[in-house]
Amino acid sequence: ARDVIDHRSIRSLESWLLPELGLRITDWCYSADHEWQDHFYIDVVSIDVDSHTRCWRTEDHYLDLIVRPGRGVDVVDTDELLDAVLAGLLDPVTAQAALTTTYRTVDGLARHGYLLDRWLSAVGMRPTWSRR
């Protein structure tokens, strides 16, 4: 978690890295007049954890999900995933894994009423959020 300095609409952010799910989940704290005040932003990623150095490395796989709690989820940036594959920045196997992760996440959210914490709890994850 950290503050965001001198941004017109974002005050702070808090992220959880979930290597088992291939996700980075971020709760952005926006100014009071911002329309996405209650949304979660999910990046589809691979996460390598080096237990010796305690260093975590993430690789963004371009697909993102915007969760509107209790209302729905939007998958965004599919064009970026396809452009990355065409440019050779992401291999087709990794792109397929990113799509599988995205489908699994959308399905899990739908089965739990688009309530992120409810779905995460069902798969054994219990992140805490400082502002929720």
C-alpha atoms as a PDB file:
ATOM      1  CA  ALA A   1       0.000   0.000   0.000  1.00  0.00           C
ATOM      2  CA  ARG A   2       1.157   3.520  -0.672  1.00  0.00           C
ATOM      3  CA  ASP A   3      -0.043   7.072  -1.107  1.00  0.00           C
ATOM      4  CA  VAL A   4      -0.157   8.566  -4.592  1.00  0.00           C
ATOM      5  CA  ILE A   5       1.247  12.085  -4.530  1.00  0.00           C
ATOM      6  CA  ASP A   6      -0.010  14.901  -6.760  1.00  0.00           C
ATOM      7  CA  HIS A   7      -2.522  12.865  -8.755  1.00  0.00           C
ATOM      8  CA  ARG A   8      -5.789  14.582  -9.645  1.00  0.00           C
ATOM      9  CA  SER A   9      -8.074  11.637  -8.801  1.00  0.00           C
ATOM     10  CA  ILE A  10      -6.076   8.870  -7.044  1.00  0.00           C
ATOM     11  CA  ARG A  11      -5.139   9.293  -3.382  1.00  0.00           C
ATOM     12  CA  SER A  12      -3.619   5.885  -2.615  1.00  0.00           C
ATOM     13  CA  LEU A  13      -3.487   2.251  -3.660  1.00  0.00           C
ATOM     14  CA  GLU A  14      -3.222  -1.109  -1.986  1.00  0.00           C
ATOM     15  CA  SER A  15      -2.328  -4.312  -3.859  1.00  0.00           C
ATOM     16  CA  TRP A  16      -2.245  -7.998  -3.058  1.00  0.00           C
ATOM     17  CA  LEU A  17      -0.042 -10.336  -5.071  1.00  0.00           C
ATOM     18  CA  LEU A  18      -1.621 -13.791  -5.339  1.00  0.00           C
ATOM     19  CA  PRO A  19       0.865 -16.116  -7.089  1.00  0.00           C
ATOM     20  CA  GLU A  20      -1.390 -19.157  -6.738  1.00  0.00           C
ATOM     21  CA  LEU A  21      -4.083 -17.404  -8.774  1.00  0.00           C
ATOM     22  CA  GLY A  22      -1.826 -15.482 -11.160  1.00  0.00           C
ATOM     23  CA  LEU A  23      -3.381 -12.193 -10.067  1.00  0.00           C
ATOM     24  CA  ARG A  24      -2.432  -8.794  -8.680  1.00  0.00           C
ATOM     25  CA  ILE A  25      -5.505  -7.204  -7.109  1.00  0.00           C
ATOM     26  CA  THR A  26      -5.483  -3.475  -6.480  1.00  0.00           C
ATOM     27  CA  ASP A  27      -7.840  -1.308  -4.515  1.00  0.00           C
ATOM     28  CA  TRP A  28      -7.440   2.269  -5.716  1.00  0.00           C
ATOM     29  CA  CYS A  29      -8.575   4.966  -3.304  1.00  0.00           C
ATOM     30  CA  TYR A  30      -9.982   7.733  -5.477  1.00  0.00           C
ATOM     31  CA  SER A  31     -11.151  11.219  -4.640  1.00  0.00           C
ATOM     32  CA  ALA A  32     -14.762  11.327  -3.458  1.00  0.00           C
ATOM     33  CA  ASP A  33     -16.137  12.424  -6.835  1.00  0.00           C
ATOM     34  CA  HIS A  34     -14.533   9.631  -8.877  1.00  0.00           C
ATOM     35  CA  GLU A  35     -16.993   7.146 -10.421  1.00  0.00           C
ATOM     36  CA  TRP A  36     -14.900   4.026  -9.635  1.00  0.00           C
ATOM     37  CA  GLN A  37     -14.802   4.576  -5.885  1.00  0.00           C
ATOM     38  CA  ASP A  38     -15.775   0.992  -5.017  1.00  0.00           C
ATOM     39  CA  HIS A  39     -14.123  -0.926  -7.889  1.00  0.00           C
ATOM     40  CA  PHE A  40     -11.240  -3.401  -7.717  1.00  0.00           C
ATOM     41  CA  TYR A  41      -8.660  -3.602 -10.494  1.00  0.00           C
ATOM     42  CA  ILE A  42      -7.160  -7.019 -11.260  1.00  0.00           C
ATOM     43  CA  ASP A  43      -4.053  -7.570 -13.377  1.00  0.00           C
ATOM     44  CA  VAL A  44      -3.450 -11.018 -14.851  1.00  0.00           C
ATOM     45  CA  VAL A  45       0.213 -11.698 -14.079  1.00  0.00           C
ATOM     46  CA  SER A  46       2.782 -14.349 -13.376  1.00  0.00           C
ATOM     47  CA  ILE A  47       4.501 -13.985 -10.028  1.00  0.00           C
ATOM     48  CA  ASP A  48       7.847 -15.523  -9.167  1.00  0.00           C
ATOM     49  CA  VAL A  49       8.801 -15.598  -5.507  1.00  0.00           C
ATOM     50  CA  ASP A  50      12.467 -16.128  -4.619  1.00  0.00           C
ATOM     51  CA  SER A  51      12.382 -17.580  -1.114  1.00  0.00           C
ATOM     52  CA  HIS A  52      16.096 -16.935  -0.568  1.00  0.00           C
ATOM     53  CA  THR A  53      16.103 -13.229  -1.375  1.00  0.00           C
ATOM     54  CA  ARG A  54      12.438 -12.677  -0.480  1.00  0.00           C
ATOM     55  CA  CYS A  55      12.110 -10.896  -3.815  1.00  0.00           C
ATOM     56  CA  TRP A  56       8.839 -11.031  -5.728  1.00  0.00           C
ATOM     57  CA  ARG A  57       8.846 -10.480  -9.490  1.00  0.00           C
ATOM     58  CA  THR A  58       5.689  -9.921 -11.498  1.00  0.00           C
ATOM     59  CA  GLU A  59       5.223 -10.108 -15.245  1.00  0.00           C
ATOM     60  CA  ASP A  60       2.113  -8.408 -16.565  1.00  0.00           C
ATOM     61  CA  HIS A  61       0.161 -10.476 -19.075  1.00  0.00           C
ATOM     62  CA  TYR A  62      -1.780  -7.460 -20.350  1.00  0.00           C
ATOM     63  CA  LEU A  63      -5.310  -8.627 -19.505  1.00  0.00           C
ATOM     64  CA  ASP A  64      -7.084  -6.713 -16.761  1.00  0.00           C
ATOM     65  CA  LEU A  65     -10.416  -7.044 -15.001  1.00  0.00           C
ATOM     66  CA  ILE A  66     -12.441  -4.297 -13.390  1.00  0.00           C
ATOM     67  CA  VAL A  67     -14.699  -5.654 -10.657  1.00  0.00           C
ATOM     68  CA  ARG A  68     -17.815  -3.701  -9.761  1.00  0.00           C
ATOM     69  CA  PRO A  69     -18.729  -5.403  -6.464  1.00  0.00           C
ATOM     70  CA  GLY A  70     -22.131  -7.043  -6.585  1.00  0.00           C
ATOM     71  CA  ARG A  71     -22.733  -5.785 -10.132  1.00  0.00           C
ATOM     72  CA  GLY A  72     -20.290  -7.295 -12.618  1.00  0.00           C
ATOM     73  CA  VAL A  73     -16.822  -7.559 -14.061  1.00  0.00           C
ATOM     74  CA  ASP A  74     -15.319  -6.137 -17.247  1.00  0.00           C
ATOM     75  CA  VAL A  75     -12.355  -7.698 -19.045  1.00  0.00           C
ATOM     76  CA  VAL A  76     -10.207  -4.987 -20.633  1.00  0.00           C
ATOM     77  CA  ASP A  77      -7.046  -4.734 -22.698  1.00  0.00           C
ATOM     78  CA  THR A  78      -7.579  -7.845 -24.804  1.00  0.00           C
ATOM     79  CA  ASP A  79      -6.172  -5.779 -27.654  1.00  0.00           C
ATOM     80  CA  GLU A  80      -2.970  -5.272 -25.678  1.00  0.00           C
ATOM     81  CA  LEU A  81      -2.613  -9.032 -25.152  1.00  0.00           C
ATOM     82  CA  LEU A  82      -3.020  -9.694 -28.869  1.00  0.00           C
ATOM     83  CA  ASP A  83      -0.605  -6.889 -29.803  1.00  0.00           C
ATOM     84  CA  ALA A  84       1.976  -8.284 -27.365  1.00  0.00           C
ATOM     85  CA  VAL A  85       1.737 -11.747 -28.937  1.00  0.00           C
ATOM     86  CA  LEU A  86       2.014 -10.333 -32.470  1.00  0.00           C
ATOM     87  CA  ALA A  87       5.038  -8.248 -31.427  1.00  0.00           C
ATOM     88  CA  GLY A  88       6.728 -11.270 -29.861  1.00  0.00           C
ATOM     89  CA  LEU A  89       6.617  -9.788 -26.365  1.00  0.00           C
ATOM     90  CA  LEU A  90       4.477 -12.648 -25.090  1.00  0.00           C
ATOM     91  CA  ASP A  91       4.558 -16.195 -26.400  1.00  0.00           C
ATOM     92  CA  PRO A  92       1.305 -17.969 -27.364  1.00  0.00           C
ATOM     93  CA  VAL A  93       1.545 -20.449 -24.459  1.00  0.00           C
ATOM     94  CA  THR A  94       1.749 -17.606 -21.935  1.00  0.00           C
ATOM     95  CA  ALA A  95      -1.109 -15.785 -23.688  1.00  0.00           C
ATOM     96  CA  GLN A  96      -3.255 -18.923 -23.491  1.00  0.00           C
ATOM     97  CA  ALA A  97      -2.466 -19.223 -19.776  1.00  0.00           C
ATOM     98  CA  ALA A  98      -3.468 -15.561 -19.308  1.00  0.00           C
ATOM     99  CA  LEU A  99      -6.791 -16.235 -21.033  1.00  0.00           C
ATOM    100  CA  THR A 100      -7.370 -19.322 -18.874  1.00  0.00           C
ATOM    101  CA  THR A 101      -6.655 -17.271 -15.736  1.00  0.00           C
ATOM    102  CA  THR A 102      -9.062 -14.599 -16.937  1.00  0.00           C
ATOM    103  CA  TYR A 103     -11.858 -17.099 -17.653  1.00  0.00           C
ATOM    104  CA  ARG A 104     -11.353 -18.791 -14.271  1.00  0.00           C
ATOM    105  CA  THR A 105     -11.469 -15.429 -12.500  1.00  0.00           C
ATOM    106  CA  VAL A 106     -14.601 -14.220 -14.305  1.00  0.00           C
ATOM    107  CA  ASP A 107     -16.313 -17.537 -13.586  1.00  0.00           C
ATOM    108  CA  GLY A 108     -15.350 -17.437  -9.900  1.00  0.00           C
ATOM    109  CA  LEU A 109     -16.555 -13.864  -9.520  1.00  0.00           C
ATOM    110  CA  ALA A 110     -19.851 -14.635 -11.271  1.00  0.00           C
ATOM    111  CA  ARG A 111     -20.450 -17.667  -9.045  1.00  0.00           C
ATOM    112  CA  HIS A 112     -19.998 -15.464  -5.981  1.00  0.00           C
ATOM    113  CA  GLY A 113     -22.190 -12.538  -6.992  1.00  0.00           C
ATOM    114  CA  TYR A 114     -19.237 -10.446  -8.226  1.00  0.00           C
ATOM    115  CA  LEU A 115     -18.077 -10.074  -4.639  1.00  0.00           C
ATOM    116  CA  LEU A 116     -14.302 -10.346  -4.764  1.00  0.00           C
ATOM    117  CA  ASP A 117     -13.721 -11.163  -1.106  1.00  0.00           C
ATOM    118  CA  ARG A 118     -16.405 -13.885  -1.196  1.00  0.00           C
ATOM    119  CA  TRP A 119     -14.763 -15.585  -4.197  1.00  0.00           C
ATOM    120  CA  LEU A 120     -11.259 -15.231  -2.748  1.00  0.00           C
ATOM    121  CA  SER A 121     -12.420 -16.720   0.535  1.00  0.00           C
ATOM    122  CA  ALA A 122     -13.879 -19.697  -1.348  1.00  0.00           C
ATOM    123  CA  VAL A 123     -10.438 -20.398  -2.856  1.00  0.00           C
ATOM    124  CA  GLY A 124      -8.633 -19.991   0.463  1.00  0.00           C
ATOM    125  CA  MET A 125      -7.460 -16.383   0.134  1.00  0.00           C
ATOM    126  CA  ARG A 126      -8.348 -13.764   2.714  1.00  0.00           C
ATOM    127  CA  PRO A 127      -6.774 -10.422   1.877  1.00  0.00           C
ATOM    128  CA  THR A 128      -7.478  -7.534   4.176  1.00  0.00           C
ATOM    129  CA  TRP A 129      -8.084  -4.042   2.866  1.00  0.00           C
ATOM    130  CA  SER A 130      -7.194  -1.014   4.948  1.00  0.00           C
ATOM    131  CA  ARG A 131     -10.047   1.166   3.707  1.00  0.00           C
ATOM    132  CA  ARG A 132     -12.831  -1.425   3.454  1.00  0.00           C
END
